[in-house]
Protein backbone atom coordinates (compact mmCIF):
# COMPACT_ATOMS: atom_id res chain seq x y z
CA UNK A 1 62.93 110.17 83.26
CA UNK A 2 63.82 113.82 83.07
CA UNK A 3 61.69 116.74 84.03
CA UNK A 4 62.44 119.39 81.44
CA UNK A 5 60.23 122.42 81.13
CA UNK A 6 60.34 124.93 78.32
CA UNK A 7 57.73 127.64 78.28
CA UNK A 8 56.94 129.44 75.04
CA UNK A 9 53.66 131.33 74.96
CA UNK A 10 52.23 132.35 71.60
CA UNK A 11 48.75 133.74 71.94
CA UNK A 12 46.48 136.49 70.71
CA UNK A 13 43.06 137.80 71.61
CA UNK A 14 40.13 137.87 69.23
CA UNK A 15 36.69 138.96 70.41
CA UNK A 16 37.66 138.45 74.03
CA UNK A 17 38.91 134.86 73.55
CA UNK A 18 42.57 133.86 73.70
CA UNK A 19 44.04 131.52 71.09
CA UNK A 20 47.35 129.81 71.66
CA UNK A 21 49.62 127.10 70.36
CA UNK A 22 49.14 123.48 71.40
CA UNK A 23 52.38 121.72 72.41
CA UNK A 24 52.93 117.97 72.05
CA UNK A 25 56.00 115.97 73.08
CA UNK A 26 57.10 113.58 70.33
CA UNK A 27 60.24 112.22 71.98
CA UNK A 28 62.09 112.74 75.26
CA UNK A 29 65.38 111.20 76.23
CA UNK A 30 69.09 110.97 75.47
CA UNK A 31 69.66 114.56 76.46
CA UNK A 32 66.92 116.06 74.33
CA UNK A 33 63.24 116.76 73.79
CA UNK A 34 61.38 116.93 70.46
CA UNK A 35 58.07 118.78 70.44
CA UNK A 36 55.56 119.94 67.87
CA UNK A 37 53.55 123.10 68.22
CA UNK A 38 50.28 123.70 66.36
CA UNK A 39 48.61 127.10 66.33
CA UNK A 40 45.00 126.49 67.35
CA UNK A 41 43.75 129.26 65.06
CA UNK A 42 45.81 128.84 61.88
CA UNK A 43 46.79 125.13 62.25
CA UNK A 44 50.35 126.15 61.47
CA UNK A 45 52.73 123.43 62.70
CA UNK A 46 56.31 124.04 63.76
CA UNK A 47 58.95 121.71 65.17
CA UNK A 48 61.11 122.26 68.22
CA UNK A 49 64.23 120.36 69.26
CA UNK A 50 65.74 121.04 72.68
CA UNK A 51 69.23 119.72 73.43
CA UNK A 52 70.39 120.32 76.97
CA UNK A 53 73.95 120.45 78.13
CA UNK A 54 74.81 121.39 81.71
CA UNK A 55 73.57 124.83 82.80
CA UNK A 56 72.08 125.74 79.41
CA UNK A 57 70.09 124.17 76.57
CA UNK A 58 69.93 124.72 72.83
CA UNK A 59 66.58 125.22 71.11
CA UNK A 60 66.69 124.34 67.41
CA UNK A 61 63.80 125.54 65.23
CA UNK A 62 65.06 124.29 61.83
CA UNK A 63 68.38 123.72 60.07
CA UNK A 64 69.37 127.39 60.25
CA UNK A 65 67.79 128.78 63.42
CA UNK A 66 68.69 128.20 67.09
CA UNK A 67 68.85 129.89 70.49
CA UNK A 68 70.92 128.99 73.55
CA UNK A 69 68.87 129.49 76.72
CA UNK A 70 69.93 129.52 80.40
CA UNK A 71 68.85 126.38 82.25
CA UNK A 72 70.51 126.60 85.66
CA UNK A 73 68.65 128.56 88.30
CA UNK A 74 69.98 132.10 88.51
CA UNK A 75 72.02 131.94 85.30
CA UNK A 76 71.69 135.08 83.18
CA UNK A 77 73.73 135.65 80.04
CA UNK A 78 75.36 139.07 79.86
CA UNK A 79 74.80 141.19 76.76
CA UNK A 80 78.31 142.68 76.90
CA UNK A 81 79.38 141.13 73.60
CA UNK A 82 81.68 138.51 75.17
CA UNK A 83 79.50 135.53 74.22
CA UNK A 84 81.17 133.47 71.49
CA UNK A 85 80.97 130.13 69.68
CA UNK A 86 83.92 128.56 67.88
CA UNK A 87 83.78 125.51 65.63
CA UNK A 88 87.08 123.67 65.67
CA UNK A 89 89.87 126.12 64.80
CA UNK A 90 87.69 128.52 62.81
CA UNK A 91 87.08 132.18 63.59
CA UNK A 92 84.82 132.66 66.65
CA UNK A 93 81.21 133.65 65.98
CA UNK A 94 79.80 136.40 68.17
CA UNK A 95 76.41 135.68 69.76
CA UNK A 96 73.79 138.32 70.48
CA UNK A 97 70.85 138.43 72.86
CA UNK A 98 67.82 136.86 71.22
CA UNK A 99 65.24 138.71 73.27
CA UNK A 100 64.57 140.22 76.66
CA UNK A 101 64.30 136.67 78.03
CA UNK A 102 68.06 136.37 77.72
CA UNK A 103 68.77 133.73 75.06
CA UNK A 104 71.81 133.87 72.77
CA UNK A 105 71.82 133.40 69.00
CA UNK A 106 73.23 134.71 65.76
CA UNK A 107 71.14 136.68 63.28
CA UNK A 108 73.27 135.37 60.41
CA UNK A 109 71.51 132.31 59.00
CA UNK A 110 74.66 130.99 57.34
CA UNK A 111 76.47 131.06 60.69
CA UNK A 112 73.50 129.45 62.42
CA UNK A 113 73.35 126.67 59.82
CA UNK A 114 77.08 126.04 60.21
CA UNK A 115 76.76 125.77 64.00
CA UNK A 116 73.79 123.38 63.82
CA UNK A 117 75.50 121.21 61.20
CA UNK A 118 78.61 120.96 63.38
CA UNK A 119 76.55 120.13 66.47
CA UNK A 120 74.62 117.28 64.87
CA UNK A 121 77.79 115.84 63.31
CA UNK A 122 79.70 115.78 66.63
CA UNK A 123 82.30 118.38 65.70
CA UNK A 124 84.04 120.27 68.49
CA UNK A 125 82.10 123.40 69.45
CA UNK A 126 83.52 125.73 72.07
CA UNK A 127 81.10 128.05 73.84
CA UNK A 128 82.10 131.08 75.87
CA UNK A 129 79.51 133.02 77.84
CA UNK A 130 79.63 135.82 80.36
CA UNK A 131 77.41 135.70 83.43
CA UNK A 132 75.40 138.67 84.66
CA UNK A 133 75.88 140.47 87.03
CA UNK A 134 79.18 138.86 88.09
CA UNK A 135 80.89 139.35 84.68
CA UNK A 136 82.36 135.86 85.13
CA UNK A 137 83.52 134.37 81.82
CA UNK A 138 82.84 130.63 81.42
CA UNK A 139 84.48 128.50 78.71
CA UNK A 140 82.85 125.18 77.93
CA UNK A 141 82.38 122.67 75.11
CA UNK A 142 78.95 121.86 73.73
CA UNK A 143 78.76 118.08 73.64
CA UNK A 144 75.82 115.75 73.16
CA UNK A 145 76.71 112.55 71.33
CA UNK A 146 73.04 111.97 70.54
CA UNK A 147 72.53 115.36 68.85
CA UNK A 148 72.68 113.83 65.37
CA UNK A 149 70.16 111.13 66.25
CA UNK A 150 67.83 113.68 67.84
CA UNK A 151 68.07 116.03 64.87
CA UNK A 152 67.42 113.10 62.51
CA UNK A 153 64.19 112.25 64.35
CA UNK A 154 63.14 115.91 64.30
CA UNK A 155 63.97 116.34 60.60
CA UNK A 156 61.89 113.25 59.75
CA UNK A 157 58.96 114.60 61.75
CA UNK A 158 59.09 118.19 60.50
CA UNK A 159 60.75 118.00 57.06
CA UNK A 160 63.91 119.81 58.11
CA UNK A 161 66.96 119.75 55.83
CA UNK A 162 69.21 116.72 56.16
CA UNK A 163 72.63 117.78 57.43
CA UNK A 164 74.43 114.48 56.91
CA UNK A 165 73.78 113.41 60.48
CA UNK A 166 73.54 109.80 61.65
CA UNK A 167 70.03 108.42 62.12
CA UNK A 168 71.25 105.75 64.57
CA UNK A 169 71.52 106.36 68.31
CA UNK A 170 75.08 106.41 69.65
CA UNK A 171 76.33 103.38 71.53
CA UNK A 172 75.39 103.66 75.20
CA UNK A 173 78.30 103.88 77.62
CA UNK A 174 78.09 102.50 81.17
CA UNK A 175 79.83 104.01 84.18
CA UNK A 176 80.20 101.58 87.08
CA UNK A 177 80.86 102.74 90.62
CA UNK A 178 82.19 99.88 92.76
CA UNK A 179 82.79 100.44 96.46
CA UNK A 180 86.47 100.14 97.39
CA UNK A 181 85.61 98.81 100.85
CA UNK A 182 84.74 95.31 99.62
CA UNK A 183 81.25 95.72 101.04
CA UNK A 184 79.42 94.48 97.94
CA UNK A 185 77.90 97.78 96.86
CA UNK A 186 77.91 98.95 93.25
CA UNK A 187 75.88 101.26 91.02
CA UNK A 188 76.11 101.26 87.23
CA UNK A 189 74.73 104.27 85.35
CA UNK A 190 74.20 104.97 81.63
CA UNK A 191 75.44 107.87 79.57
CA UNK A 192 72.64 110.13 78.27
CA UNK A 193 70.00 108.34 80.35
CA UNK A 194 69.42 108.93 84.06
CA UNK A 195 66.32 106.70 83.90
CA UNK A 196 68.27 103.44 84.38
CA UNK A 197 70.68 102.25 87.04
CA UNK A 198 71.88 98.77 88.01
CA UNK A 199 72.55 98.40 91.75
CA UNK A 200 73.46 96.00 94.53
CA UNK A 201 73.30 96.86 98.22
CA UNK A 202 75.72 96.24 101.08
CA UNK A 203 76.73 92.75 102.23
CA UNK A 204 76.26 93.63 105.89
CA UNK A 205 72.54 94.09 105.22
CA UNK A 206 72.40 90.72 103.43
CA UNK A 207 71.89 92.34 100.04
CA UNK A 208 72.78 89.74 97.43
CA UNK A 209 70.26 90.56 94.72
CA UNK A 210 71.05 92.90 91.82
CA UNK A 211 68.25 95.29 90.86
CA UNK A 212 67.45 97.49 87.90
CA UNK A 213 66.14 100.86 89.05
CA UNK A 214 63.97 102.97 86.75
CA UNK A 215 62.86 106.61 86.80
CA UNK A 216 64.51 109.90 87.61
CA UNK A 217 64.13 111.43 90.09
CA UNK A 218 62.80 108.87 92.59
CA UNK A 219 64.04 105.58 91.13
CA UNK A 220 62.03 102.39 91.69
CA UNK A 221 63.56 98.89 91.81
CA UNK A 222 61.38 97.23 89.20
CA UNK A 223 62.88 93.73 89.30
CA UNK A 224 65.98 91.93 90.52
CA UNK A 225 67.98 88.73 90.30
CA UNK A 226 69.75 86.80 93.06
CA UNK A 227 72.85 85.15 91.51
CA UNK A 228 73.51 82.75 94.41
CA UNK A 229 69.91 81.48 94.57
CA UNK A 230 69.40 81.87 90.80
CA UNK A 231 65.92 83.33 91.16
CA UNK A 232 64.11 86.53 90.30
CA UNK A 233 63.19 88.98 93.04
CA UNK A 234 60.81 91.81 93.87
CA UNK A 235 61.69 94.38 96.52
CA UNK A 236 59.84 96.84 98.74
CA UNK A 237 59.94 99.57 96.07
CA UNK A 238 57.52 97.57 93.95
CA UNK A 239 55.72 95.85 96.85
CA UNK A 240 54.73 98.93 98.85
CA UNK A 241 51.84 99.73 96.53
CA UNK A 242 49.72 97.91 94.02
CA UNK A 243 51.90 98.76 91.05
CA UNK A 244 51.74 97.78 87.41
CA UNK A 245 54.68 97.46 85.02
CA UNK A 246 54.05 98.16 81.33
CA UNK A 247 56.70 97.68 78.64
CA UNK A 248 56.23 99.36 75.24
CA UNK A 249 58.21 99.10 72.01
CA UNK A 250 59.57 102.08 70.09
CA UNK A 251 56.17 102.62 68.43
CA UNK A 252 54.33 102.76 71.75
CA UNK A 253 52.75 99.30 71.47
CA UNK A 254 52.38 97.36 74.73
CA UNK A 255 54.53 94.22 74.60
CA UNK A 256 54.35 93.16 78.25
CA UNK A 257 52.15 94.05 81.21
CA UNK A 258 52.13 92.63 84.74
CA UNK A 259 50.98 93.60 88.22
CA UNK A 260 53.41 93.63 91.12
CA UNK A 261 53.08 90.84 93.70
CA UNK A 262 50.90 91.48 96.77
CA UNK A 263 52.38 93.43 99.66
CA UNK A 264 53.94 91.39 102.44
CA UNK A 265 54.64 93.43 105.58
CA UNK A 266 57.01 90.77 106.93
CA UNK A 267 59.32 90.61 103.93
CA UNK A 268 61.25 93.36 102.19
CA UNK A 269 62.21 91.04 99.34
CA UNK A 270 60.36 88.06 97.86
CA UNK A 271 60.86 85.60 95.03
CA UNK A 272 59.05 86.83 91.92
CA UNK A 273 59.28 84.57 88.81
CA UNK A 274 57.42 87.17 86.71
CA UNK A 275 60.49 89.36 86.98
CA UNK A 276 62.14 87.27 84.28
CA UNK A 277 59.31 88.12 81.89
CA UNK A 278 59.71 91.82 82.63
CA UNK A 279 63.47 91.62 82.08
CA UNK A 280 63.17 89.80 78.75
CA UNK A 281 60.46 92.16 77.49
CA UNK A 282 62.59 95.14 78.53
CA UNK A 283 65.57 93.71 76.66
CA UNK A 284 63.51 93.29 73.48
CA UNK A 285 62.04 96.81 73.74
CA UNK A 286 65.43 98.47 74.27
CA UNK A 287 66.92 100.80 73.26
CA UNK A 288 64.03 102.96 72.05
CA UNK A 289 61.14 101.45 73.99
CA UNK A 290 59.87 102.50 77.42
CA UNK A 291 59.03 100.96 80.78
CA UNK A 292 56.17 102.45 82.78
CA UNK A 293 55.60 101.90 86.50
CA UNK A 294 52.28 103.15 87.77
CA UNK A 295 50.03 102.94 90.78
CA UNK A 296 46.77 104.60 91.72
CA UNK A 297 48.75 107.67 92.80
CA UNK A 298 51.92 107.83 90.73
CA UNK A 299 53.28 107.08 87.27
CA UNK A 300 56.78 107.18 85.79
CA UNK A 301 57.90 106.37 82.25
CA UNK A 302 61.54 105.50 81.61
CA UNK A 303 63.49 105.41 78.36
CA UNK A 304 65.25 102.07 77.82
CA UNK A 305 68.35 103.42 76.10
CA UNK A 306 71.33 101.66 77.69
CA UNK A 307 69.38 98.84 79.37
CA UNK A 308 71.11 96.13 77.35
CA UNK A 309 74.52 97.58 78.16
CA UNK A 310 73.98 97.69 81.94
CA UNK A 311 72.49 94.19 81.93
CA UNK A 312 75.47 92.84 79.97
CA UNK A 313 77.74 94.47 82.54
CA UNK A 314 75.79 92.64 85.25
CA UNK A 315 76.12 89.30 83.42
CA UNK A 316 79.88 89.75 83.08
CA UNK A 317 80.57 91.20 86.51
CA UNK A 318 77.75 90.34 88.92
CA UNK A 319 76.34 86.95 87.96
CA UNK A 320 73.14 88.10 86.27
CA UNK A 321 71.18 85.66 84.15
CA UNK A 322 71.49 86.00 80.36
CA UNK A 323 68.23 87.19 78.84
CA UNK A 324 69.29 87.75 75.21
CA UNK A 325 67.32 86.15 72.42
């Protein structure tokens, strides 16, 4: 679950009262956020697609309008004229400051449309920017494999022009880290989704169970499986409070709901047969569903993109139970 904040204020004053735009998040995940904005006075609706990539993010307003904004703390784009974008081997396109807030764009709509089309169709886009006040020149490549999928969702919601992009999410890639010290520890992460991680602790602490952790930051071990005992487990992350796990499909419908087992101060880990139900419901809801973990004080909602891939890795490499249909 990412925390991604974009602030755009559009307001005016009439008779002493301020009117502004209402912002609603339609989709968040896979390196992007899709939002709609409705002017509370005119009911005018606009769409916004934010694709983030390292220290900056790209705001797309339609098929021929975008701005690249600083994301990293302290990053300021210089307005010296050294900021460029290059698609493949074509002539570089010079970017200009969009406003006093420091974004970069091009005022040429044909150039903007070409850049957006290339982005959503996974073509190579090189981006050079100069930092202020250091004058440091940074060369990077804009790369988000889900850009086409995100743009497709936005175009369906807002009626944007189809740019030949794929409407299917890219295949999730897993990145396993396995300790070289033969101590049992591993952590398997998912490309484009920090919400999910598959982990096992150290042997010296008698950690045999494999857990799926959800949420970012502050992951919670929602459920686990002990391959040697062949049973499902719950750990202190879920036991410390009266938590509830809610699984939803891609349309937001609840498909599974269960309360965590009661807290046991003498055990950090207990057998929890209901964990199998959570796992199977999560499998069915992936990749576009969500898993929510909430208590009386906290709530986190995680995107399930990549869950099937990390679980398959666990079946093949760590003795997890098969939960496929």
